[in-house]
């Protein structure tokens, strides 16, 4: 089956958007990542802001600012499954859009861009996808920044140093590098976010081009406490209850605890279903569901 242009992207997300705003707000415990990401991404998506700051602070546009303006528009999110990478990639720009009163379009590359394995197909599809992003970004410039989210990026950008790598895959990585370079020179305001569970599998040339890398880990005790309080707002949890739940969702001899998605998508849902329709949600009921919903095992990294 031939992959067509319509297959290359999931539905676009146009920001600001109230649903995106809610999804972003629910990423509890990632404030340090959110703050740094906002600065990094904002200056790529709105390059004139850095020049305006330099003029205000120094009376001129510093050479350092000019060099920063030439950074490749690429940010990498790396970390374990269920740690919020994809949700943050799709929603973080909502806050930037609201702060600056602009619109932002998020385009999500489909894994179908890998193609069916036919010779030259993946290279063509990746090139076509970047052409679409380039055309849109050129048309609107930094007035409406464009973000391209590439989830499971290691499937498209696997290291060309791998001995078992097929020639077609190597050509696809070359096409990715060309596309990112074109965005840097021809589409101010465009940004690529790559998400991966296997940072070591990414091609070194891709990683060298990243303006920033963000590491995502499973929530620690403080983050689990904040997330549990947020998820079960309105339910009375004593400090002893919260301590127990934080402990139950931790490593407990496994070497890994619950992920954000484990708590949001499984424990929360299981607690509501267990209580419905006749009983209230209690700390004891939540603890039972935690015990019956073990954490997702870590993704096994392979070279």
Foldseek 3Di string as FASTA:
>chain_A
DWDDPVNFWDDKDKPPDPVLVVLQVLLFPCVVVLVVCCVLLLCQQVVVVLQVVCCVVPVGRDPVSVVVLLAQQEEEEEEWPQQCQVSCLRRSCNVVCVVVVAMEMEIETDPCCCPDPPPPSNLVSLLVVLVVQLVVLLVCASRYAYEYEYEQCLSQFFAPPDPPDDPRSVSSNVSVVVSSNCCSPRGRSYHYYYYHHAVVRGHPVSVVRHPYYHYGYADALVRQLVSVCVLPPPADADPVLSVVVSVLQACPVVNGGAHNCLVVVQLSVQQVVVQPPPHDRHSVSSSVSSVVRGHDDTDDHDD
